[in-house]
Amino acid sequence: MTDQAQPRAEALLIGGRSGSGKSSVGWEVAAQLRTAGVGHALIEGDVMGEIYPPPADDPDTSRITQRNLAAVWANYTDLGCHRLVYTNTACVLASETALFTGALGDGTRLIRVLLTASDATVRARLTGRELGSELDQQLRRSDRMARVLDAGVPPETVRVATDGRAVRDIAADVITAAGWKPAG
């Protein structure tokens, strides 16, 4: 029996403030990778820790998020997957590294892409999507997170502006940042 080395796991972390386009870009990245025949899995990180009320011993749900991500990733790797596209507001922060190395393994290559958008773009996007009573809260949270993200991402993080650009073009830039273009 020959010992074939498994490819190194890679996680493309797509972060950004609310309204920056993370989900739309993540789904378009997945579509473009499928079209190119590049294997991958897509996880919307927001659902990995969505539990109410949060556990008393895990109020920010970081431990349950890590456990859920590890379980889902184990299922994907059992099927031979070694590339993950993960979207979540804060996933690109340096402080989140332990979550990913704990869930995906220490040898995982983390590729961080921070999507940016102006306040005007974010307001237009969130106004179109937030139909309930939380628009003002979302706008305040988005503004605060824009500052946190700007200050808290590692220097190697690739920043991609989304203002006035087509989702397919943004996704192509994100795939290029990951180096996941197929050969040829």
N, C-alpha and C. Protein backbone atom coordinates (compact mmCIF):
# COMPACT_ATOMS: atom_id res chain seq x y z
N MET A 1 0.84 -1.18 0.00
CA MET A 1 0.00 0.00 0.00
C MET A 1 0.89 1.25 0.00
N THR A 2 0.60 2.15 -0.91
CA THR A 2 1.38 3.38 -0.96
C THR A 2 0.77 4.40 -0.03
N ASP A 3 1.64 5.19 0.54
CA ASP A 3 1.20 6.21 1.47
C ASP A 3 1.07 7.53 0.72
N GLN A 4 -0.16 7.91 0.35
CA GLN A 4 -0.37 9.15 -0.37
C GLN A 4 -0.64 10.27 0.64
N ALA A 5 0.15 11.32 0.51
CA ALA A 5 -0.03 12.46 1.41
C ALA A 5 -1.31 13.21 1.07
N GLN A 6 -2.05 13.56 2.09
CA GLN A 6 -3.25 14.36 1.90
C GLN A 6 -2.82 15.80 1.61
N PRO A 7 -3.54 16.48 0.72
CA PRO A 7 -3.21 17.89 0.49
C PRO A 7 -3.40 18.69 1.78
N ARG A 8 -2.62 19.71 1.92
CA ARG A 8 -2.73 20.59 3.09
C ARG A 8 -4.09 21.28 3.07
N ALA A 9 -4.75 21.32 4.19
CA ALA A 9 -6.04 21.99 4.31
C ALA A 9 -5.84 23.50 4.16
N GLU A 10 -6.79 24.12 3.48
CA GLU A 10 -6.76 25.56 3.27
C GLU A 10 -8.14 26.12 3.58
N ALA A 11 -8.17 27.24 4.28
CA ALA A 11 -9.43 27.90 4.61
C ALA A 11 -9.39 29.33 4.11
N LEU A 12 -10.30 29.65 3.21
CA LEU A 12 -10.46 31.00 2.70
C LEU A 12 -11.50 31.68 3.60
N LEU A 13 -11.03 32.58 4.43
CA LEU A 13 -11.89 33.27 5.40
C LEU A 13 -12.30 34.61 4.80
N ILE A 14 -13.61 34.76 4.58
CA ILE A 14 -14.14 35.99 3.99
C ILE A 14 -14.89 36.73 5.08
N GLY A 15 -14.32 37.85 5.52
CA GLY A 15 -14.92 38.64 6.58
C GLY A 15 -15.26 40.03 6.10
N GLY A 16 -15.93 40.77 6.96
CA GLY A 16 -16.29 42.15 6.64
C GLY A 16 -17.49 42.58 7.45
N ARG A 17 -17.69 43.86 7.49
CA ARG A 17 -18.82 44.42 8.24
C ARG A 17 -20.13 43.98 7.62
N SER A 18 -21.21 44.08 8.38
CA SER A 18 -22.54 43.80 7.84
C SER A 18 -22.77 44.69 6.62
N GLY A 19 -23.26 44.10 5.55
CA GLY A 19 -23.53 44.85 4.34
C GLY A 19 -22.35 44.94 3.39
N SER A 20 -21.24 44.30 3.71
CA SER A 20 -20.08 44.36 2.81
C SER A 20 -20.18 43.35 1.66
N GLY A 21 -21.06 42.37 1.80
CA GLY A 21 -21.25 41.41 0.71
C GLY A 21 -20.70 40.03 0.96
N LYS A 22 -20.42 39.68 2.19
CA LYS A 22 -19.79 38.39 2.51
C LYS A 22 -20.56 37.19 1.97
N SER A 23 -21.82 37.11 2.27
CA SER A 23 -22.61 35.95 1.85
C SER A 23 -22.72 35.88 0.33
N SER A 24 -23.03 36.99 -0.30
CA SER A 24 -23.15 36.99 -1.76
C SER A 24 -21.83 36.60 -2.41
N VAL A 25 -20.74 37.15 -1.91
CA VAL A 25 -19.42 36.83 -2.47
C VAL A 25 -19.06 35.37 -2.19
N GLY A 26 -19.34 34.89 -0.98
CA GLY A 26 -19.04 33.49 -0.66
C GLY A 26 -19.75 32.53 -1.60
N TRP A 27 -21.04 32.77 -1.83
CA TRP A 27 -21.79 31.91 -2.75
C TRP A 27 -21.27 32.01 -4.17
N GLU A 28 -20.86 33.21 -4.60
CA GLU A 28 -20.32 33.36 -5.96
C GLU A 28 -18.94 32.73 -6.07
N VAL A 29 -18.12 32.83 -5.02
CA VAL A 29 -16.84 32.11 -5.02
C VAL A 29 -17.09 30.62 -5.22
N ALA A 30 -18.05 30.07 -4.46
CA ALA A 30 -18.37 28.65 -4.58
C ALA A 30 -18.84 28.31 -6.00
N ALA A 31 -19.66 29.16 -6.59
CA ALA A 31 -20.15 28.92 -7.95
C ALA A 31 -19.00 28.93 -8.96
N GLN A 32 -18.10 29.90 -8.83
CA GLN A 32 -16.97 29.98 -9.76
C GLN A 32 -16.01 28.80 -9.58
N LEU A 33 -15.79 28.38 -8.34
CA LEU A 33 -14.93 27.22 -8.10
C LEU A 33 -15.56 25.96 -8.69
N ARG A 34 -16.87 25.79 -8.51
CA ARG A 34 -17.57 24.64 -9.11
C ARG A 34 -17.40 24.63 -10.62
N THR A 35 -17.62 25.78 -11.24
CA THR A 35 -17.50 25.89 -12.70
C THR A 35 -16.10 25.52 -13.16
N ALA A 36 -15.10 25.88 -12.36
CA ALA A 36 -13.70 25.60 -12.70
C ALA A 36 -13.27 24.19 -12.28
N GLY A 37 -14.15 23.45 -11.61
CA GLY A 37 -13.81 22.10 -11.17
C GLY A 37 -12.88 22.07 -9.97
N VAL A 38 -12.88 23.12 -9.18
CA VAL A 38 -12.02 23.21 -8.00
C VAL A 38 -12.83 22.76 -6.78
N GLY A 39 -12.42 21.66 -6.16
CA GLY A 39 -13.12 21.13 -4.99
C GLY A 39 -13.06 22.06 -3.80
N HIS A 40 -14.15 22.12 -3.06
CA HIS A 40 -14.23 23.00 -1.90
C HIS A 40 -15.51 22.71 -1.13
N ALA A 41 -15.61 23.27 0.04
CA ALA A 41 -16.85 23.29 0.84
C ALA A 41 -17.11 24.74 1.21
N LEU A 42 -18.37 25.08 1.36
CA LEU A 42 -18.77 26.43 1.76
C LEU A 42 -19.53 26.35 3.08
N ILE A 43 -19.13 27.17 4.03
CA ILE A 43 -19.83 27.26 5.31
C ILE A 43 -20.12 28.72 5.62
N GLU A 44 -21.38 29.01 5.87
CA GLU A 44 -21.79 30.32 6.38
C GLU A 44 -21.55 30.27 7.89
N GLY A 45 -20.49 30.91 8.33
CA GLY A 45 -20.07 30.81 9.72
C GLY A 45 -21.08 31.30 10.74
N ASP A 46 -21.96 32.19 10.33
CA ASP A 46 -22.94 32.72 11.29
C ASP A 46 -23.80 31.63 11.90
N VAL A 47 -24.03 30.53 11.21
CA VAL A 47 -24.92 29.49 11.74
C VAL A 47 -24.19 28.51 12.66
N MET A 48 -22.89 28.55 12.72
CA MET A 48 -22.14 27.58 13.52
C MET A 48 -22.33 27.77 15.02
N GLY A 49 -22.69 28.97 15.44
CA GLY A 49 -22.88 29.21 16.87
C GLY A 49 -24.24 29.78 17.20
N GLU A 50 -25.19 29.62 16.31
CA GLU A 50 -26.51 30.21 16.48
C GLU A 50 -27.35 29.36 17.42
N ILE A 51 -27.33 29.74 18.69
CA ILE A 51 -28.10 29.04 19.72
C ILE A 51 -28.58 30.07 20.73
N TYR A 52 -29.83 29.91 21.14
CA TYR A 52 -30.38 30.81 22.15
C TYR A 52 -31.17 30.00 23.16
N PRO A 53 -30.98 30.23 24.41
CA PRO A 53 -29.96 31.10 24.99
C PRO A 53 -28.59 30.44 24.86
N PRO A 54 -27.57 31.26 24.83
CA PRO A 54 -26.23 30.69 24.76
C PRO A 54 -25.91 29.89 26.03
N PRO A 55 -25.08 28.89 25.92
CA PRO A 55 -24.70 28.11 27.11
C PRO A 55 -24.07 29.03 28.17
N ALA A 56 -24.38 28.78 29.41
CA ALA A 56 -23.87 29.61 30.51
C ALA A 56 -22.34 29.63 30.54
N ASP A 57 -21.71 28.50 30.17
CA ASP A 57 -20.25 28.44 30.20
C ASP A 57 -19.62 28.85 28.87
N ASP A 58 -20.44 29.35 27.91
CA ASP A 58 -19.94 29.75 26.58
C ASP A 58 -20.79 30.91 26.06
N PRO A 59 -20.83 32.03 26.79
CA PRO A 59 -21.78 33.10 26.44
C PRO A 59 -21.57 33.71 25.06
N ASP A 60 -20.35 33.70 24.54
CA ASP A 60 -20.14 34.24 23.19
C ASP A 60 -20.23 33.14 22.13
N THR A 61 -20.55 31.94 22.53
CA THR A 61 -20.72 30.73 21.70
C THR A 61 -19.48 30.35 20.90
N SER A 62 -18.32 30.81 21.31
CA SER A 62 -17.10 30.48 20.57
C SER A 62 -16.76 28.99 20.66
N ARG A 63 -17.00 28.37 21.80
CA ARG A 63 -16.67 26.93 21.93
C ARG A 63 -17.62 26.07 21.12
N ILE A 64 -18.91 26.39 21.13
CA ILE A 64 -19.84 25.59 20.35
C ILE A 64 -19.60 25.83 18.85
N THR A 65 -19.22 27.04 18.48
CA THR A 65 -18.88 27.33 17.09
C THR A 65 -17.71 26.46 16.66
N GLN A 66 -16.67 26.40 17.49
CA GLN A 66 -15.50 25.59 17.15
C GLN A 66 -15.86 24.11 17.07
N ARG A 67 -16.66 23.62 18.00
CA ARG A 67 -17.07 22.21 17.99
C ARG A 67 -17.88 21.89 16.73
N ASN A 68 -18.83 22.77 16.38
CA ASN A 68 -19.64 22.53 15.20
C ASN A 68 -18.80 22.58 13.93
N LEU A 69 -17.91 23.57 13.85
CA LEU A 69 -17.04 23.67 12.68
C LEU A 69 -16.15 22.44 12.56
N ALA A 70 -15.59 21.98 13.66
CA ALA A 70 -14.74 20.78 13.63
C ALA A 70 -15.52 19.55 13.15
N ALA A 71 -16.75 19.42 13.62
CA ALA A 71 -17.57 18.26 13.23
C ALA A 71 -17.91 18.30 11.74
N VAL A 72 -18.33 19.45 11.26
CA VAL A 72 -18.68 19.57 9.84
C VAL A 72 -17.44 19.39 8.98
N TRP A 73 -16.33 20.01 9.38
CA TRP A 73 -15.09 19.89 8.61
C TRP A 73 -14.62 18.43 8.56
N ALA A 74 -14.74 17.70 9.64
CA ALA A 74 -14.37 16.28 9.65
C ALA A 74 -15.18 15.50 8.62
N ASN A 75 -16.46 15.81 8.51
CA ASN A 75 -17.29 15.15 7.50
C ASN A 75 -16.80 15.49 6.09
N TYR A 76 -16.46 16.74 5.85
CA TYR A 76 -15.97 17.14 4.53
C TYR A 76 -14.62 16.50 4.21
N THR A 77 -13.71 16.48 5.18
CA THR A 77 -12.39 15.89 4.91
C THR A 77 -12.49 14.39 4.70
N ASP A 78 -13.44 13.73 5.36
CA ASP A 78 -13.66 12.31 5.11
C ASP A 78 -14.03 12.04 3.65
N LEU A 79 -14.60 13.05 3.00
CA LEU A 79 -14.97 12.93 1.59
C LEU A 79 -13.88 13.44 0.66
N GLY A 80 -12.72 13.78 1.23
CA GLY A 80 -11.58 14.21 0.43
C GLY A 80 -11.45 15.71 0.23
N CYS A 81 -12.30 16.48 0.84
CA CYS A 81 -12.25 17.94 0.69
C CYS A 81 -11.08 18.50 1.50
N HIS A 82 -10.37 19.46 0.92
CA HIS A 82 -9.29 20.11 1.68
C HIS A 82 -9.33 21.63 1.56
N ARG A 83 -10.35 22.17 0.88
CA ARG A 83 -10.50 23.63 0.77
C ARG A 83 -11.84 24.04 1.38
N LEU A 84 -11.79 25.07 2.21
CA LEU A 84 -12.99 25.59 2.85
C LEU A 84 -13.14 27.06 2.52
N VAL A 85 -14.34 27.45 2.11
CA VAL A 85 -14.72 28.85 1.98
C VAL A 85 -15.62 29.13 3.18
N TYR A 86 -15.23 30.07 4.02
CA TYR A 86 -15.94 30.34 5.28
C TYR A 86 -16.24 31.83 5.35
N THR A 87 -17.51 32.16 5.53
CA THR A 87 -17.90 33.57 5.65
C THR A 87 -18.39 33.86 7.06
N ASN A 88 -17.96 34.99 7.58
CA ASN A 88 -18.39 35.44 8.91
C ASN A 88 -17.76 36.81 9.14
N THR A 89 -18.48 37.69 9.78
CA THR A 89 -18.00 39.05 10.00
C THR A 89 -16.58 39.09 10.55
N ALA A 90 -16.34 38.40 11.65
CA ALA A 90 -15.09 38.54 12.39
C ALA A 90 -14.05 37.46 12.10
N CYS A 91 -14.33 36.55 11.19
CA CYS A 91 -13.43 35.40 10.99
C CYS A 91 -12.02 35.79 10.57
N VAL A 92 -11.83 36.98 10.03
CA VAL A 92 -10.52 37.42 9.56
C VAL A 92 -9.65 38.04 10.66
N LEU A 93 -10.23 38.27 11.82
CA LEU A 93 -9.47 38.87 12.91
C LEU A 93 -8.36 37.95 13.39
N ALA A 94 -7.24 38.52 13.77
CA ALA A 94 -6.13 37.73 14.32
C ALA A 94 -6.59 36.94 15.54
N SER A 95 -7.49 37.50 16.32
CA SER A 95 -7.97 36.84 17.53
C SER A 95 -8.78 35.58 17.24
N GLU A 96 -9.20 35.36 16.01
CA GLU A 96 -9.98 34.18 15.64
C GLU A 96 -9.12 33.01 15.17
N THR A 97 -7.81 33.19 15.08
CA THR A 97 -6.92 32.14 14.57
C THR A 97 -7.08 30.84 15.34
N ALA A 98 -7.13 30.90 16.66
CA ALA A 98 -7.23 29.69 17.47
C ALA A 98 -8.51 28.91 17.19
N LEU A 99 -9.60 29.62 16.89
CA LEU A 99 -10.84 28.93 16.55
C LEU A 99 -10.62 28.03 15.33
N PHE A 100 -9.95 28.55 14.32
CA PHE A 100 -9.77 27.80 13.08
C PHE A 100 -8.70 26.72 13.21
N THR A 101 -7.60 27.00 13.89
CA THR A 101 -6.60 25.96 14.05
C THR A 101 -7.13 24.85 14.95
N GLY A 102 -7.96 25.21 15.93
CA GLY A 102 -8.57 24.20 16.79
C GLY A 102 -9.57 23.34 16.05
N ALA A 103 -10.33 23.91 15.16
CA ALA A 103 -11.37 23.18 14.44
C ALA A 103 -10.86 22.47 13.19
N LEU A 104 -9.91 23.09 12.49
CA LEU A 104 -9.46 22.57 11.20
C LEU A 104 -8.09 21.91 11.25
N GLY A 105 -7.33 22.17 12.31
CA GLY A 105 -6.00 21.59 12.45
C GLY A 105 -4.92 22.65 12.36
N ASP A 106 -3.84 22.42 13.09
CA ASP A 106 -2.75 23.39 13.17
C ASP A 106 -2.09 23.67 11.82
N GLY A 107 -2.05 22.70 10.93
CA GLY A 107 -1.37 22.88 9.66
C GLY A 107 -2.19 23.56 8.59
N THR A 108 -3.40 23.98 8.92
CA THR A 108 -4.28 24.59 7.93
C THR A 108 -3.76 25.95 7.51
N ARG A 109 -3.73 26.17 6.19
CA ARG A 109 -3.35 27.48 5.65
C ARG A 109 -4.59 28.38 5.71
N LEU A 110 -4.48 29.48 6.44
CA LEU A 110 -5.57 30.44 6.56
C LEU A 110 -5.33 31.60 5.61
N ILE A 111 -6.29 31.85 4.73
CA ILE A 111 -6.23 32.94 3.77
C ILE A 111 -7.33 33.92 4.16
N ARG A 112 -6.94 35.11 4.57
CA ARG A 112 -7.91 36.08 5.06
C ARG A 112 -8.19 37.14 4.00
N VAL A 113 -9.49 37.34 3.72
CA VAL A 113 -9.92 38.39 2.81
C VAL A 113 -10.96 39.24 3.54
N LEU A 114 -10.66 40.52 3.65
CA LEU A 114 -11.57 41.47 4.29
C LEU A 114 -12.29 42.26 3.20
N LEU A 115 -13.61 42.07 3.11
CA LEU A 115 -14.41 42.85 2.18
C LEU A 115 -14.71 44.20 2.82
N THR A 116 -14.53 45.26 2.06
CA THR A 116 -14.78 46.60 2.57
C THR A 116 -15.89 47.25 1.76
N ALA A 117 -16.60 48.16 2.39
CA ALA A 117 -17.66 48.92 1.74
C ALA A 117 -17.84 50.23 2.48
N SER A 118 -18.19 51.26 1.74
CA SER A 118 -18.42 52.58 2.34
C SER A 118 -19.69 52.57 3.18
N ASP A 119 -19.80 53.57 4.04
CA ASP A 119 -21.01 53.69 4.85
C ASP A 119 -22.25 53.81 3.98
N ALA A 120 -22.16 54.55 2.88
CA ALA A 120 -23.32 54.74 1.99
C ALA A 120 -23.73 53.41 1.35
N THR A 121 -22.76 52.64 0.90
CA THR A 121 -23.06 51.34 0.30
C THR A 121 -23.70 50.41 1.32
N VAL A 122 -23.14 50.37 2.52
CA VAL A 122 -23.67 49.52 3.58
C VAL A 122 -25.10 49.93 3.93
N ARG A 123 -25.34 51.23 4.05
CA ARG A 123 -26.69 51.70 4.38
C ARG A 123 -27.68 51.26 3.30
N ALA A 124 -27.32 51.39 2.04
CA ALA A 124 -28.21 50.99 0.95
C ALA A 124 -28.48 49.49 0.99
N ARG A 125 -27.43 48.70 1.19
CA ARG A 125 -27.60 47.25 1.22
C ARG A 125 -28.44 46.80 2.41
N LEU A 126 -28.12 47.33 3.59
CA LEU A 126 -28.86 46.91 4.79
C LEU A 126 -30.30 47.40 4.77
N THR A 127 -30.54 48.58 4.23
CA THR A 127 -31.90 49.09 4.14
C THR A 127 -32.74 48.17 3.25
N GLY A 128 -32.14 47.64 2.21
CA GLY A 128 -32.85 46.73 1.32
C GLY A 128 -33.10 45.36 1.92
N ARG A 129 -32.30 44.98 2.87
CA ARG A 129 -32.40 43.62 3.41
C ARG A 129 -33.06 43.54 4.78
N GLU A 130 -32.89 44.54 5.62
CA GLU A 130 -33.43 44.53 6.98
C GLU A 130 -34.85 45.07 6.96
N LEU A 131 -35.81 44.19 6.90
CA LEU A 131 -37.20 44.59 6.79
C LEU A 131 -37.88 44.73 8.14
N GLY A 132 -37.24 44.25 9.18
CA GLY A 132 -37.83 44.30 10.52
C GLY A 132 -37.40 45.53 11.28
N SER A 133 -37.31 45.36 12.57
CA SER A 133 -37.07 46.49 13.47
C SER A 133 -35.59 46.68 13.81
N GLU A 134 -34.69 45.96 13.16
CA GLU A 134 -33.30 46.00 13.59
C GLU A 134 -32.36 46.79 12.68
N LEU A 135 -32.89 47.59 11.74
CA LEU A 135 -32.03 48.32 10.82
C LEU A 135 -31.06 49.24 11.55
N ASP A 136 -31.54 50.07 12.45
CA ASP A 136 -30.66 51.01 13.15
C ASP A 136 -29.59 50.27 13.94
N GLN A 137 -29.99 49.19 14.60
CA GLN A 137 -29.03 48.39 15.36
C GLN A 137 -27.99 47.77 14.42
N GLN A 138 -28.42 47.26 13.27
CA GLN A 138 -27.48 46.68 12.30
C GLN A 138 -26.51 47.73 11.78
N LEU A 139 -26.99 48.93 11.50
CA LEU A 139 -26.12 49.99 11.00
C LEU A 139 -25.08 50.38 12.05
N ARG A 140 -25.49 50.50 13.31
CA ARG A 140 -24.52 50.83 14.38
C ARG A 140 -23.49 49.72 14.55
N ARG A 141 -23.97 48.47 14.56
CA ARG A 141 -23.08 47.32 14.71
C ARG A 141 -22.09 47.25 13.53
N SER A 142 -22.59 47.49 12.33
CA SER A 142 -21.73 47.45 11.14
C SER A 142 -20.64 48.52 11.22
N ASP A 143 -21.02 49.72 11.64
CA ASP A 143 -20.05 50.81 11.76
C ASP A 143 -18.97 50.47 12.79
N ARG A 144 -19.40 49.94 13.93
CA ARG A 144 -18.44 49.55 14.97
C ARG A 144 -17.50 48.45 14.47
N MET A 145 -18.07 47.44 13.81
CA MET A 145 -17.25 46.33 13.34
C MET A 145 -16.28 46.75 12.23
N ALA A 146 -16.65 47.74 11.44
CA ALA A 146 -15.73 48.23 10.40
C ALA A 146 -14.44 48.72 11.06
N ARG A 147 -14.57 49.42 12.18
CA ARG A 147 -13.39 49.92 12.89
C ARG A 147 -12.60 48.78 13.55
N VAL A 148 -13.33 47.83 14.17
CA VAL A 148 -12.68 46.68 14.81
C VAL A 148 -11.91 45.86 13.78
N LEU A 149 -12.54 45.61 12.65
CA LEU A 149 -11.90 44.81 11.61
C LEU A 149 -10.69 45.53 11.03
N ASP A 150 -10.82 46.81 10.77
CA ASP A 150 -9.71 47.58 10.19
C ASP A 150 -8.48 47.50 11.08
N ALA A 151 -8.68 47.55 12.39
CA ALA A 151 -7.56 47.54 13.33
C ALA A 151 -7.10 46.13 13.70
N GLY A 152 -7.96 45.11 13.55
CA GLY A 152 -7.66 43.79 14.11
C GLY A 152 -7.26 42.69 13.16
N VAL A 153 -7.20 42.99 11.86
CA VAL A 153 -6.79 41.93 10.93
C VAL A 153 -5.27 41.89 10.82
N PRO A 154 -4.72 40.68 10.61
CA PRO A 154 -3.28 40.57 10.43
C PRO A 154 -2.82 41.31 9.17
N PRO A 155 -1.55 41.70 9.10
CA PRO A 155 -1.06 42.49 7.96
C PRO A 155 -1.20 41.78 6.61
N GLU A 156 -1.18 40.44 6.60
CA GLU A 156 -1.26 39.71 5.33
C GLU A 156 -2.68 39.61 4.78
N THR A 157 -3.65 40.15 5.50
CA THR A 157 -5.04 40.11 5.06
C THR A 157 -5.19 40.90 3.77
N VAL A 158 -5.86 40.30 2.79
CA VAL A 158 -6.14 40.98 1.53
C VAL A 158 -7.45 41.74 1.68
N ARG A 159 -7.42 43.02 1.34
CA ARG A 159 -8.63 43.85 1.41
C ARG A 159 -9.19 44.00 0.00
N VAL A 160 -10.49 43.74 -0.12
CA VAL A 160 -11.17 43.84 -1.42
C VAL A 160 -12.36 44.76 -1.27
N ALA A 161 -12.34 45.86 -2.00
CA ALA A 161 -13.45 46.82 -1.98
C ALA A 161 -14.62 46.27 -2.78
N THR A 162 -15.83 46.47 -2.25
CA THR A 162 -17.03 45.95 -2.93
C THR A 162 -17.92 47.06 -3.48
N ASP A 163 -17.64 48.31 -3.19
CA ASP A 163 -18.48 49.42 -3.64
C ASP A 163 -18.58 49.46 -5.16
N GLY A 164 -19.81 49.46 -5.67
CA GLY A 164 -20.04 49.65 -7.10
C GLY A 164 -19.48 48.57 -8.01
N ARG A 165 -19.21 47.39 -7.46
CA ARG A 165 -18.62 46.31 -8.26
C ARG A 165 -19.58 45.13 -8.35
N ALA A 166 -19.49 44.40 -9.44
CA ALA A 166 -20.30 43.20 -9.62
C ALA A 166 -19.78 42.08 -8.72
N VAL A 167 -20.68 41.31 -8.16
CA VAL A 167 -20.31 40.22 -7.25
C VAL A 167 -19.37 39.24 -7.95
N ARG A 168 -19.59 38.94 -9.21
CA ARG A 168 -18.72 37.99 -9.92
C ARG A 168 -17.27 38.49 -10.00
N ASP A 169 -17.10 39.82 -10.14
CA ASP A 169 -15.75 40.39 -10.21
C ASP A 169 -15.07 40.36 -8.84
N ILE A 170 -15.84 40.66 -7.82
CA ILE A 170 -15.30 40.60 -6.45
C ILE A 170 -14.87 39.17 -6.14
N ALA A 171 -15.74 38.20 -6.46
CA ALA A 171 -15.43 36.79 -6.19
C ALA A 171 -14.17 36.36 -6.94
N ALA A 172 -14.01 36.82 -8.17
CA ALA A 172 -12.80 36.48 -8.93
C ALA A 172 -11.56 37.02 -8.23
N ASP A 173 -11.63 38.22 -7.68
CA ASP A 173 -10.50 38.78 -6.93
C ASP A 173 -10.21 37.95 -5.68
N VAL A 174 -11.26 37.50 -5.02
CA VAL A 174 -11.10 36.69 -3.80
C VAL A 174 -10.44 35.35 -4.14
N ILE A 175 -10.89 34.72 -5.21
CA ILE A 175 -10.29 33.44 -5.64
C ILE A 175 -8.82 33.64 -6.00
N THR A 176 -8.51 34.73 -6.66
CA THR A 176 -7.12 35.03 -7.00
C THR A 176 -6.29 35.21 -5.73
N ALA A 177 -6.85 35.90 -4.73
CA ALA A 177 -6.13 36.08 -3.45
C ALA A 177 -5.83 34.75 -2.80
N ALA A 178 -6.75 33.79 -2.95
CA ALA A 178 -6.55 32.46 -2.37
C ALA A 178 -5.56 31.62 -3.15
N GLY A 179 -5.35 31.98 -4.41
CA GLY A 179 -4.47 31.18 -5.27
C GLY A 179 -5.13 29.89 -5.71
N TRP A 180 -6.46 29.90 -5.81
CA TRP A 180 -7.21 28.68 -6.13
C TRP A 180 -7.64 28.60 -7.58
N LYS A 181 -7.03 29.36 -8.45
CA LYS A 181 -7.34 29.25 -9.87
C LYS A 181 -6.83 27.89 -10.36
N PRO A 182 -7.62 27.21 -11.18
CA PRO A 182 -7.15 25.91 -11.69
C PRO A 182 -5.96 26.10 -12.65
N ALA A 183 -5.12 25.09 -12.71
CA ALA A 183 -3.97 25.14 -13.62
C ALA A 183 -4.47 25.13 -15.06
N GLY A 184 -3.78 25.87 -15.92
CA GLY A 184 -4.11 25.88 -17.35
C GLY A 184 -4.99 26.94 -17.66
